[in-house]
Amino acid sequence: MDRFDAMSVLLAVVEAGSLSGGARQLRAPLATVSRKVADLERHLGARLVTRTSRGLTLTDAGRAFVAASRRILGELEAAEREAAGDYGALRGALHVTAPVAFGQRHLLPVALDFLRQQPEINLRLTLADRQVSLAEEHVDVALRIGHLADSALIAIRVGAVRRVICASPGYLARHGVPRQPEDLAGHDGISFQGFAVAPEWRYRRDSAAFAVEPRPKLAVNTTEAAVQAALADLGIIRVLSYQVREEVRAGRLQVLLADFAPEPLPVSLIHLPAEGLPPKVRCFLDWTVPRLRAALARLEAEG
């Protein structure tokens, strides 16, 4: 059995989410792909994937083996390029994820310039307001906003973003402007869920943290919907500053209780341990980190 070939087949199947999808990606017969995965499991003496009605899921042994396979094949690819004198010509697939609004406004422009510099790399950019698992969803680099839990992942801080609460001038004209966090209890609130940073109504007064929430008027599952509801004079929202930057600058939303705002949240790029990091991932990080740092510094300077 060609173990490198078996690793490649397994990675294709896992990436596609099914044996048939892996076969299409590899342009190989389904029976051949299924046999190679089965042969690999027999060789290892362990089940790597579990077949369900929704496709395939990795077992614990499968997750460990897939991570090792990615590292080994990445090192092999780098060694072949270096031996062939083609080390600078990076190629292959790269999977990156980020929150929706931040990804659209800040990461996507950087990524597009990266692709112009590296035309042999194919980028998959997943924008989602949830915490994506790098191992389970086969992600090379993730952008995270918020304090990170201790883990084996490597984090590179690129900046920070402020948390703000806002309301439209129309809403404030009818309901009044809150002057203290306690005043929020008498106001209508718009909340959203889905992002890793919980939409808590927390503030800071003389270094003592406390929380006050407005009356729940509307709950939505995207930031964009919450902002639209606030623009429609429905209530007060708590968001990250970049999510309402244009609305605030245009006067369509007004920032409230700025003196009580909590500390900014860190913004980081995270990836798997650096040992065996594929050159295409290292190149993407080297390109992206300084550009995101500059973008976030400008954002902070502009308020």
C-alpha atoms as a PDB file:
ATOM      1  CA  MET A   1       0.000   0.000   0.000  1.00  0.00           C
ATOM      2  CA  ASP A   2       1.267   3.464  -0.937  1.00  0.00           C
ATOM      3  CA  ARG A   3       0.795   5.260   2.376  1.00  0.00           C
ATOM      4  CA  PHE A   4       1.296   8.747   0.920  1.00  0.00           C
ATOM      5  CA  ASP A   5      -1.394   8.019  -1.658  1.00  0.00           C
ATOM      6  CA  ALA A   6      -3.679   6.625   1.058  1.00  0.00           C
ATOM      7  CA  MET A   7      -3.193   9.783   3.129  1.00  0.00           C
ATOM      8  CA  SER A   8      -4.043  11.955   0.133  1.00  0.00           C
ATOM      9  CA  VAL A   9      -7.191   9.936  -0.565  1.00  0.00           C
ATOM     10  CA  LEU A  10      -8.306  10.175   3.071  1.00  0.00           C
ATOM     11  CA  LEU A  11      -7.761  13.943   3.145  1.00  0.00           C
ATOM     12  CA  ALA A  12      -9.771  14.366  -0.049  1.00  0.00           C
ATOM     13  CA  VAL A  13     -12.637  12.311   1.396  1.00  0.00           C
ATOM     14  CA  VAL A  14     -12.608  14.253   4.655  1.00  0.00           C
ATOM     15  CA  GLU A  15     -12.427  17.614   2.875  1.00  0.00           C
ATOM     16  CA  ALA A  16     -15.357  16.684   0.613  1.00  0.00           C
ATOM     17  CA  GLY A  17     -17.372  15.218   3.492  1.00  0.00           C
ATOM     18  CA  SER A  18     -18.148  11.919   1.759  1.00  0.00           C
ATOM     19  CA  LEU A  19     -16.603   9.080  -0.197  1.00  0.00           C
ATOM     20  CA  SER A  20     -18.443  10.097  -3.360  1.00  0.00           C
ATOM     21  CA  GLY A  21     -17.345  13.732  -2.940  1.00  0.00           C
ATOM     22  CA  GLY A  22     -13.753  12.614  -2.462  1.00  0.00           C
ATOM     23  CA  ALA A  23     -13.992  10.460  -5.571  1.00  0.00           C
ATOM     24  CA  ARG A  24     -15.233  13.430  -7.599  1.00  0.00           C
ATOM     25  CA  GLN A  25     -12.451  15.631  -6.243  1.00  0.00           C
ATOM     26  CA  LEU A  26      -9.827  13.010  -7.099  1.00  0.00           C
ATOM     27  CA  ARG A  27     -11.539  12.099 -10.381  1.00  0.00           C
ATOM     28  CA  ALA A  28     -11.315   8.460  -9.364  1.00  0.00           C
ATOM     29  CA  PRO A  29     -13.908   5.652  -9.237  1.00  0.00           C
ATOM     30  CA  LEU A  30     -15.916   5.564  -6.005  1.00  0.00           C
ATOM     31  CA  ALA A  31     -15.048   1.886  -5.518  1.00  0.00           C
ATOM     32  CA  THR A  32     -11.324   2.692  -5.683  1.00  0.00           C
ATOM     33  CA  VAL A  33     -11.584   5.496  -3.128  1.00  0.00           C
ATOM     34  CA  SER A  34     -13.682   3.370  -0.765  1.00  0.00           C
ATOM     35  CA  ARG A  35     -11.209   0.487  -1.038  1.00  0.00           C
ATOM     36  CA  LYS A  36      -8.203   2.698  -0.308  1.00  0.00           C
ATOM     37  CA  VAL A  37      -9.826   4.111   2.835  1.00  0.00           C
ATOM     38  CA  ALA A  38     -10.761   0.607   3.976  1.00  0.00           C
ATOM     39  CA  ASP A  39      -7.236  -0.673   3.256  1.00  0.00           C
ATOM     40  CA  LEU A  40      -5.769   2.176   5.283  1.00  0.00           C
ATOM     41  CA  GLU A  41      -8.038   1.405   8.240  1.00  0.00           C
ATOM     42  CA  ARG A  42      -7.044  -2.273   8.071  1.00  0.00           C
ATOM     43  CA  HIS A  43      -3.361  -1.341   7.894  1.00  0.00           C
ATOM     44  CA  LEU A  44      -3.679   0.885  10.968  1.00  0.00           C
ATOM     45  CA  GLY A  45      -6.002  -1.459  12.813  1.00  0.00           C
ATOM     46  CA  ALA A  46      -8.291   1.451  13.659  1.00  0.00           C
ATOM     47  CA  ARG A  47     -11.487   2.973  12.314  1.00  0.00           C
ATOM     48  CA  LEU A  48     -10.813   6.466  10.996  1.00  0.00           C
ATOM     49  CA  VAL A  49     -14.234   7.562   9.730  1.00  0.00           C
ATOM     50  CA  THR A  50     -17.812   6.800  10.676  1.00  0.00           C
ATOM     51  CA  ARG A  51     -20.423   6.815   7.948  1.00  0.00           C
ATOM     52  CA  THR A  52     -23.701   8.574   8.840  1.00  0.00           C
ATOM     53  CA  SER A  53     -26.767   9.745   6.937  1.00  0.00           C
ATOM     54  CA  ARG A  54     -25.140  13.192   6.730  1.00  0.00           C
ATOM     55  CA  GLY A  55     -21.853  11.901   5.350  1.00  0.00           C
ATOM     56  CA  LEU A  56     -18.656  11.118   7.231  1.00  0.00           C
ATOM     57  CA  THR A  57     -17.417  12.046  10.682  1.00  0.00           C
ATOM     58  CA  LEU A  58     -13.905  11.453  11.987  1.00  0.00           C
ATOM     59  CA  THR A  59     -13.247   9.214  14.970  1.00  0.00           C
ATOM     60  CA  ASP A  60     -10.719  10.333  17.585  1.00  0.00           C
ATOM     61  CA  ALA A  61      -8.111   8.186  15.851  1.00  0.00           C
ATOM     62  CA  GLY A  62      -9.185   9.665  12.524  1.00  0.00           C
ATOM     63  CA  ARG A  63      -8.767  13.265  13.713  1.00  0.00           C
ATOM     64  CA  ALA A  64      -5.270  12.526  14.980  1.00  0.00           C
ATOM     65  CA  PHE A  65      -4.293  10.709  11.785  1.00  0.00           C
ATOM     66  CA  VAL A  66      -5.714  13.445   9.525  1.00  0.00           C
ATOM     67  CA  ALA A  67      -3.737  16.114  11.408  1.00  0.00           C
ATOM     68  CA  ALA A  68      -0.563  14.049  11.106  1.00  0.00           C
ATOM     69  CA  SER A  69      -1.254  13.376   7.407  1.00  0.00           C
ATOM     70  CA  ARG A  70      -1.634  17.076   6.669  1.00  0.00           C
ATOM     71  CA  ARG A  71       1.669  17.797   8.368  1.00  0.00           C
ATOM     72  CA  ILE A  72       3.517  14.946   6.660  1.00  0.00           C
ATOM     73  CA  LEU A  73       2.184  15.701   3.182  1.00  0.00           C
ATOM     74  CA  GLY A  74       2.890  19.404   3.662  1.00  0.00           C
ATOM     75  CA  GLU A  75       6.500  18.645   4.596  1.00  0.00           C
ATOM     76  CA  LEU A  76       6.825  16.296   1.635  1.00  0.00           C
ATOM     77  CA  GLU A  77       5.471  18.945  -0.739  1.00  0.00           C
ATOM     78  CA  ALA A  78       7.891  21.541   0.652  1.00  0.00           C
ATOM     79  CA  ALA A  79      10.839  19.154   0.363  1.00  0.00           C
ATOM     80  CA  GLU A  80       9.992  18.350  -3.251  1.00  0.00           C
ATOM     81  CA  ARG A  81       9.737  22.026  -4.179  1.00  0.00           C
ATOM     82  CA  GLU A  82      13.007  22.871  -2.474  1.00  0.00           C
ATOM     83  CA  ALA A  83      14.797  19.969  -4.168  1.00  0.00           C
ATOM     84  CA  ALA A  84      13.384  21.043  -7.528  1.00  0.00           C
ATOM     85  CA  GLY A  85      14.507  24.643  -7.009  1.00  0.00           C
ATOM     86  CA  ASP A  86      10.886  25.831  -7.000  1.00  0.00           C
ATOM     87  CA  TYR A  87      10.513  26.690  -3.325  1.00  0.00           C
ATOM     88  CA  GLY A  88       9.094  30.128  -4.013  1.00  0.00           C
ATOM     89  CA  ALA A  89       6.258  28.868  -6.205  1.00  0.00           C
ATOM     90  CA  LEU A  90       3.592  28.058  -3.640  1.00  0.00           C
ATOM     91  CA  ARG A  91       0.523  26.106  -4.679  1.00  0.00           C
ATOM     92  CA  GLY A  92      -2.391  24.167  -3.294  1.00  0.00           C
ATOM     93  CA  ALA A  93      -5.544  24.775  -1.269  1.00  0.00           C
ATOM     94  CA  LEU A  94      -5.702  27.096   1.743  1.00  0.00           C
ATOM     95  CA  HIS A  95      -8.707  27.295   4.090  1.00  0.00           C
ATOM     96  CA  VAL A  96      -9.185  30.461   6.174  1.00  0.00           C
ATOM     97  CA  THR A  97     -12.128  31.509   8.334  1.00  0.00           C
ATOM     98  CA  ALA A  98     -13.223  34.773   9.976  1.00  0.00           C
ATOM     99  CA  PRO A  99     -16.350  36.473  11.369  1.00  0.00           C
ATOM    100  CA  VAL A 100     -18.633  37.699   8.588  1.00  0.00           C
ATOM    101  CA  ALA A 101     -18.423  41.481   8.864  1.00  0.00           C
ATOM    102  CA  PHE A 102     -14.735  41.617   9.783  1.00  0.00           C
ATOM    103  CA  GLY A 103     -13.877  39.156   7.048  1.00  0.00           C
ATOM    104  CA  GLN A 104     -15.741  41.115   4.386  1.00  0.00           C
ATOM    105  CA  ARG A 105     -14.392  44.509   5.380  1.00  0.00           C
ATOM    106  CA  HIS A 106     -10.820  43.798   6.468  1.00  0.00           C
ATOM    107  CA  LEU A 107      -9.595  40.282   5.712  1.00  0.00           C
ATOM    108  CA  LEU A 108     -10.996  39.843   2.185  1.00  0.00           C
ATOM    109  CA  PRO A 109      -9.083  42.795   0.634  1.00  0.00           C
ATOM    110  CA  VAL A 110      -5.832  41.459   2.124  1.00  0.00           C
ATOM    111  CA  ALA A 111      -6.605  37.944   0.902  1.00  0.00           C
ATOM    112  CA  LEU A 112      -7.352  39.149  -2.640  1.00  0.00           C
ATOM    113  CA  ASP A 113      -3.990  40.894  -2.832  1.00  0.00           C
ATOM    114  CA  PHE A 114      -2.342  37.719  -1.511  1.00  0.00           C
ATOM    115  CA  LEU A 115      -3.925  35.657  -4.294  1.00  0.00           C
ATOM    116  CA  ARG A 116      -2.632  38.102  -6.889  1.00  0.00           C
ATOM    117  CA  GLN A 117       0.863  37.505  -5.528  1.00  0.00           C
ATOM    118  CA  GLN A 118       0.395  33.721  -5.285  1.00  0.00           C
ATOM    119  CA  PRO A 119      -1.685  32.671  -8.321  1.00  0.00           C
ATOM    120  CA  GLU A 120      -1.102  28.930  -7.739  1.00  0.00           C
ATOM    121  CA  ILE A 121      -2.841  28.993  -4.351  1.00  0.00           C
ATOM    122  CA  ASN A 122      -6.578  28.345  -4.154  1.00  0.00           C
ATOM    123  CA  LEU A 123      -8.179  30.062  -1.168  1.00  0.00           C
ATOM    124  CA  ARG A 124     -11.364  28.978   0.556  1.00  0.00           C
ATOM    125  CA  LEU A 125     -12.573  31.804   2.812  1.00  0.00           C
ATOM    126  CA  THR A 126     -15.331  30.748   5.214  1.00  0.00           C
ATOM    127  CA  LEU A 127     -17.092  33.696   6.838  1.00  0.00           C
ATOM    128  CA  ALA A 128     -19.175  32.647   9.832  1.00  0.00           C
ATOM    129  CA  ASP A 129     -20.200  34.270  13.114  1.00  0.00           C
ATOM    130  CA  ARG A 130     -19.316  31.188  15.124  1.00  0.00           C
ATOM    131  CA  GLN A 131     -16.169  29.595  16.464  1.00  0.00           C
ATOM    132  CA  VAL A 132     -14.942  27.178  13.803  1.00  0.00           C
ATOM    133  CA  SER A 133     -12.870  24.168  14.880  1.00  0.00           C
ATOM    134  CA  LEU A 134      -9.599  24.124  12.956  1.00  0.00           C
ATOM    135  CA  ALA A 135      -9.121  20.381  13.346  1.00  0.00           C
ATOM    136  CA  GLU A 136     -12.675  19.234  12.645  1.00  0.00           C
ATOM    137  CA  GLU A 137     -13.332  21.595   9.737  1.00  0.00           C
ATOM    138  CA  HIS A 138      -9.814  21.394   8.260  1.00  0.00           C
ATOM    139  CA  VAL A 139      -9.039  25.087   8.595  1.00  0.00           C
ATOM    140  CA  ASP A 140      -5.476  26.354   8.156  1.00  0.00           C
ATOM    141  CA  VAL A 141      -5.910  29.831   9.689  1.00  0.00           C
ATOM    142  CA  ALA A 142      -8.747  31.371  11.702  1.00  0.00           C
ATOM    143  CA  LEU A 143      -9.287  34.976  12.714  1.00  0.00           C
ATOM    144  CA  ARG A 144     -10.720  35.223  16.222  1.00  0.00           C
ATOM    145  CA  ILE A 145     -12.097  38.237  18.065  1.00  0.00           C
ATOM    146  CA  GLY A 146     -12.057  37.929  21.840  1.00  0.00           C
ATOM    147  CA  HIS A 147      -9.979  36.397  24.588  1.00  0.00           C
ATOM    148  CA  LEU A 148      -8.677  32.971  23.600  1.00  0.00           C
ATOM    149  CA  ALA A 149      -8.946  29.844  25.698  1.00  0.00           C
ATOM    150  CA  ASP A 150      -5.692  28.067  26.477  1.00  0.00           C
ATOM    151  CA  SER A 151      -5.019  25.443  23.818  1.00  0.00           C
ATOM    152  CA  ALA A 152      -2.324  23.940  21.652  1.00  0.00           C
ATOM    153  CA  LEU A 153      -3.146  26.451  18.910  1.00  0.00           C
ATOM    154  CA  ILE A 154      -0.720  29.247  18.081  1.00  0.00           C
ATOM    155  CA  ALA A 155      -2.127  32.803  18.274  1.00  0.00           C
ATOM    156  CA  ILE A 156      -0.718  35.928  16.631  1.00  0.00           C
ATOM    157  CA  ARG A 157      -2.315  39.141  17.884  1.00  0.00           C
ATOM    158  CA  VAL A 158      -2.979  41.676  15.131  1.00  0.00           C
ATOM    159  CA  GLY A 159      -4.886  44.335  17.077  1.00  0.00           C
ATOM    160  CA  ALA A 160      -8.042  45.016  19.045  1.00  0.00           C
ATOM    161  CA  VAL A 161     -11.591  46.248  18.495  1.00  0.00           C
ATOM    162  CA  ARG A 162     -13.854  48.255  20.773  1.00  0.00           C
ATOM    163  CA  ARG A 163     -17.301  47.236  21.986  1.00  0.00           C
ATOM    164  CA  VAL A 164     -19.975  49.912  21.717  1.00  0.00           C
ATOM    165  CA  ILE A 165     -23.676  50.292  22.318  1.00  0.00           C
ATOM    166  CA  CYS A 166     -25.727  52.365  19.908  1.00  0.00           C
ATOM    167  CA  ALA A 167     -29.209  53.581  19.104  1.00  0.00           C
ATOM    168  CA  SER A 168     -30.724  55.678  16.364  1.00  0.00           C
ATOM    169  CA  PRO A 169     -31.516  59.368  16.892  1.00  0.00           C
ATOM    170  CA  GLY A 170     -35.187  58.551  16.293  1.00  0.00           C
ATOM    171  CA  TYR A 171     -35.276  55.978  19.092  1.00  0.00           C
ATOM    172  CA  LEU A 172     -33.438  58.300  21.491  1.00  0.00           C
ATOM    173  CA  ALA A 173     -35.786  61.175  20.687  1.00  0.00           C
ATOM    174  CA  ARG A 174     -38.752  59.053  21.807  1.00  0.00           C
ATOM    175  CA  HIS A 175     -37.196  57.194  24.736  1.00  0.00           C
ATOM    176  CA  GLY A 176     -34.445  59.481  26.004  1.00  0.00           C
ATOM    177  CA  VAL A 177     -30.658  59.048  26.183  1.00  0.00           C
ATOM    178  CA  PRO A 178     -29.303  56.699  28.882  1.00  0.00           C
ATOM    179  CA  ARG A 179     -26.722  58.498  31.022  1.00  0.00           C
ATOM    180  CA  GLN A 180     -25.775  55.617  33.325  1.00  0.00           C
ATOM    181  CA  PRO A 181     -25.708  51.871  32.626  1.00  0.00           C
ATOM    182  CA  GLU A 182     -28.562  51.456  35.106  1.00  0.00           C
ATOM    183  CA  ASP A 183     -30.747  53.513  32.763  1.00  0.00           C
ATOM    184  CA  LEU A 184     -30.687  50.662  30.222  1.00  0.00           C
ATOM    185  CA  ALA A 185     -33.199  48.735  32.310  1.00  0.00           C
ATOM    186  CA  GLY A 186     -35.851  51.167  31.071  1.00  0.00           C
ATOM    187  CA  HIS A 187     -34.971  50.777  27.381  1.00  0.00           C
ATOM    188  CA  ASP A 188     -35.705  48.272  24.602  1.00  0.00           C
ATOM    189  CA  GLY A 189     -32.817  46.080  23.489  1.00  0.00           C
ATOM    190  CA  ILE A 190     -31.890  44.209  20.307  1.00  0.00           C
ATOM    191  CA  SER A 191     -29.724  41.131  20.828  1.00  0.00           C
ATOM    192  CA  PHE A 192     -28.091  38.634  18.506  1.00  0.00           C
ATOM    193  CA  GLN A 193     -26.487  35.246  18.968  1.00  0.00           C
ATOM    194  CA  GLY A 194     -24.074  33.157  16.948  1.00  0.00           C
ATOM    195  CA  PHE A 195     -20.787  34.996  17.381  1.00  0.00           C
ATOM    196  CA  ALA A 196     -18.234  33.627  19.855  1.00  0.00           C
ATOM    197  CA  VAL A 197     -18.232  36.926  21.760  1.00  0.00           C
ATOM    198  CA  ALA A 198     -21.453  36.843  23.774  1.00  0.00           C
ATOM    199  CA  PRO A 199     -23.569  40.008  23.423  1.00  0.00           C
ATOM    200  CA  GLU A 200     -23.447  40.859  27.118  1.00  0.00           C
ATOM    201  CA  TRP A 201     -24.246  44.363  28.294  1.00  0.00           C
ATOM    202  CA  ARG A 202     -21.067  44.901  30.348  1.00  0.00           C
ATOM    203  CA  TYR A 203     -19.469  48.184  31.276  1.00  0.00           C
ATOM    204  CA  ARG A 204     -16.701  49.537  33.479  1.00  0.00           C
ATOM    205  CA  ARG A 205     -17.070  52.050  36.307  1.00  0.00           C
ATOM    206  CA  ASP A 206     -13.962  52.764  38.374  1.00  0.00           C
ATOM    207  CA  SER A 207     -12.541  49.366  37.310  1.00  0.00           C
ATOM    208  CA  ALA A 208     -15.551  47.485  38.709  1.00  0.00           C
ATOM    209  CA  ALA A 209     -17.383  45.458  36.073  1.00  0.00           C
ATOM    210  CA  PHE A 210     -21.132  45.080  36.222  1.00  0.00           C
ATOM    211  CA  ALA A 211     -23.938  44.242  33.834  1.00  0.00           C
ATOM    212  CA  VAL A 212     -27.287  45.841  33.065  1.00  0.00           C
ATOM    213  CA  GLU A 213     -29.550  44.709  30.243  1.00  0.00           C
ATOM    214  CA  PRO A 214     -32.371  46.531  28.473  1.00  0.00           C
ATOM    215  CA  ARG A 215     -35.757  44.903  27.967  1.00  0.00           C
ATOM    216  CA  PRO A 216     -35.507  42.193  25.265  1.00  0.00           C
ATOM    217  CA  LYS A 217     -37.477  43.608  22.347  1.00  0.00           C
ATOM    218  CA  LEU A 218     -35.968  41.625  19.470  1.00  0.00           C
ATOM    219  CA  ALA A 219     -33.475  38.746  19.141  1.00  0.00           C
ATOM    220  CA  VAL A 220     -31.824  37.945  15.795  1.00  0.00           C
ATOM    221  CA  ASN A 221     -28.992  35.678  14.705  1.00  0.00           C
ATOM    222  CA  THR A 222     -26.868  38.069  12.625  1.00  0.00           C
ATOM    223  CA  THR A 223     -25.170  41.356  13.342  1.00  0.00           C
ATOM    224  CA  GLU A 224     -26.497  42.847  10.114  1.00  0.00           C
ATOM    225  CA  ALA A 225     -30.095  42.188  11.174  1.00  0.00           C
ATOM    226  CA  ALA A 226     -29.468  43.770  14.579  1.00  0.00           C
ATOM    227  CA  VAL A 227     -27.996  46.887  12.968  1.00  0.00           C
ATOM    228  CA  GLN A 228     -30.943  47.175  10.581  1.00  0.00           C
ATOM    229  CA  ALA A 229     -33.375  46.901  13.483  1.00  0.00           C
ATOM    230  CA  ALA A 230     -31.525  49.657  15.346  1.00  0.00           C
ATOM    231  CA  LEU A 231     -31.634  51.869  12.254  1.00  0.00           C
ATOM    232  CA  ALA A 232     -35.400  51.280  12.207  1.00  0.00           C
ATOM    233  CA  ASP A 233     -35.638  52.917  15.678  1.00  0.00           C
ATOM    234  CA  LEU A 234     -36.500  49.630  17.415  1.00  0.00           C
ATOM    235  CA  GLY A 235     -34.008  49.734  20.272  1.00  0.00           C
ATOM    236  CA  ILE A 236     -30.422  49.698  21.544  1.00  0.00           C
ATOM    237  CA  ILE A 237     -27.727  47.338  20.257  1.00  0.00           C
ATOM    238  CA  ARG A 238     -24.315  46.292  21.550  1.00  0.00           C
ATOM    239  CA  VAL A 239     -21.834  45.537  18.773  1.00  0.00           C
ATOM    240  CA  LEU A 240     -18.178  45.790  17.800  1.00  0.00           C
ATOM    241  CA  SER A 241     -17.155  49.245  16.628  1.00  0.00           C
ATOM    242  CA  TYR A 242     -16.267  48.259  13.056  1.00  0.00           C
ATOM    243  CA  GLN A 243     -19.733  46.739  12.568  1.00  0.00           C
ATOM    244  CA  VAL A 244     -21.397  50.171  12.796  1.00  0.00           C
ATOM    245  CA  ARG A 245     -18.517  52.423  11.763  1.00  0.00           C
ATOM    246  CA  GLU A 246     -20.242  53.910   8.708  1.00  0.00           C
ATOM    247  CA  GLU A 247     -23.608  54.296  10.462  1.00  0.00           C
ATOM    248  CA  VAL A 248     -22.011  56.166  13.361  1.00  0.00           C
ATOM    249  CA  ARG A 249     -19.943  58.410  11.083  1.00  0.00           C
ATOM    250  CA  ALA A 250     -23.062  59.258   9.065  1.00  0.00           C
ATOM    251  CA  GLY A 251     -25.060  60.038  12.209  1.00  0.00           C
ATOM    252  CA  ARG A 252     -27.574  57.250  11.632  1.00  0.00           C
ATOM    253  CA  LEU A 253     -26.531  55.659  14.938  1.00  0.00           C
ATOM    254  CA  GLN A 254     -25.242  57.303  18.105  1.00  0.00           C
ATOM    255  CA  VAL A 255     -22.715  55.719  20.500  1.00  0.00           C
ATOM    256  CA  LEU A 256     -23.944  55.650  24.111  1.00  0.00           C
ATOM    257  CA  LEU A 257     -22.217  55.367  27.502  1.00  0.00           C
ATOM    258  CA  ALA A 258     -18.744  55.580  25.965  1.00  0.00           C
ATOM    259  CA  ASP A 259     -17.208  56.436  29.366  1.00  0.00           C
ATOM    260  CA  PHE A 260     -18.316  53.054  30.700  1.00  0.00           C
ATOM    261  CA  ALA A 261     -17.081  50.941  27.778  1.00  0.00           C
ATOM    262  CA  PRO A 262     -15.115  47.761  28.611  1.00  0.00           C
ATOM    263  CA  GLU A 263     -11.582  47.106  27.438  1.00  0.00           C
ATOM    264  CA  PRO A 264     -11.217  46.426  23.690  1.00  0.00           C
ATOM    265  CA  LEU A 265     -11.253  42.803  22.559  1.00  0.00           C
ATOM    266  CA  PRO A 266      -8.082  41.310  21.067  1.00  0.00           C
ATOM    267  CA  VAL A 267      -8.048  40.244  17.412  1.00  0.00           C
ATOM    268  CA  SER A 268      -5.820  37.248  16.624  1.00  0.00           C
ATOM    269  CA  LEU A 269      -4.907  34.902  13.821  1.00  0.00           C
ATOM    270  CA  ILE A 270      -4.627  31.331  15.049  1.00  0.00           C
ATOM    271  CA  HIS A 271      -3.219  28.203  13.475  1.00  0.00           C
ATOM    272  CA  LEU A 272      -2.060  24.734  14.396  1.00  0.00           C
ATOM    273  CA  PRO A 273       1.361  24.325  16.051  1.00  0.00           C
ATOM    274  CA  ALA A 274       4.169  25.762  13.940  1.00  0.00           C
ATOM    275  CA  GLU A 275       6.082  22.467  13.677  1.00  0.00           C
ATOM    276  CA  GLY A 276       5.593  21.312  10.120  1.00  0.00           C
ATOM    277  CA  LEU A 277       3.549  24.390   9.187  1.00  0.00           C
ATOM    278  CA  PRO A 278       3.053  24.234   5.389  1.00  0.00           C
ATOM    279  CA  PRO A 279       4.929  26.963   3.490  1.00  0.00           C
ATOM    280  CA  LYS A 280       1.679  28.249   1.956  1.00  0.00           C
ATOM    281  CA  VAL A 281       0.257  28.835   5.462  1.00  0.00           C
ATOM    282  CA  ARG A 282       3.443  30.513   6.655  1.00  0.00           C
ATOM    283  CA  CYS A 283       3.450  32.702   3.556  1.00  0.00           C
ATOM    284  CA  PHE A 284      -0.200  33.692   4.112  1.00  0.00           C
ATOM    285  CA  LEU A 285       0.558  34.633   7.717  1.00  0.00           C
ATOM    286  CA  ASP A 286       3.658  36.627   6.749  1.00  0.00           C
ATOM    287  CA  TRP A 287       1.553  38.535   4.206  1.00  0.00           C
ATOM    288  CA  THR A 288      -1.575  39.024   6.322  1.00  0.00           C
ATOM    289  CA  VAL A 289      -0.300  39.844   9.823  1.00  0.00           C
ATOM    290  CA  PRO A 290       1.368  43.223   9.094  1.00  0.00           C
ATOM    291  CA  ARG A 291      -1.483  44.333   6.818  1.00  0.00           C
ATOM    292  CA  LEU A 292      -4.181  43.531   9.365  1.00  0.00           C
ATOM    293  CA  ARG A 293      -2.161  45.253  12.075  1.00  0.00           C
ATOM    294  CA  ALA A 294      -1.984  48.374   9.928  1.00  0.00           C
ATOM    295  CA  ALA A 295      -5.716  48.224   9.125  1.00  0.00           C
ATOM    296  CA  LEU A 296      -6.696  47.849  12.779  1.00  0.00           C
ATOM    297  CA  ALA A 297      -4.331  50.634  13.835  1.00  0.00           C
ATOM    298  CA  ARG A 298      -6.019  52.949  11.321  1.00  0.00           C
ATOM    299  CA  LEU A 299      -9.440  51.855  12.563  1.00  0.00           C
ATOM    300  CA  GLU A 300      -8.481  52.646  16.152  1.00  0.00           C
ATOM    301  CA  ALA A 301      -6.971  56.018  15.196  1.00  0.00           C
ATOM    302  CA  GLU A 302     -10.144  57.004  13.380  1.00  0.00           C
ATOM    303  CA  GLY A 303     -12.220  56.064  16.408  1.00  0.00           C
END
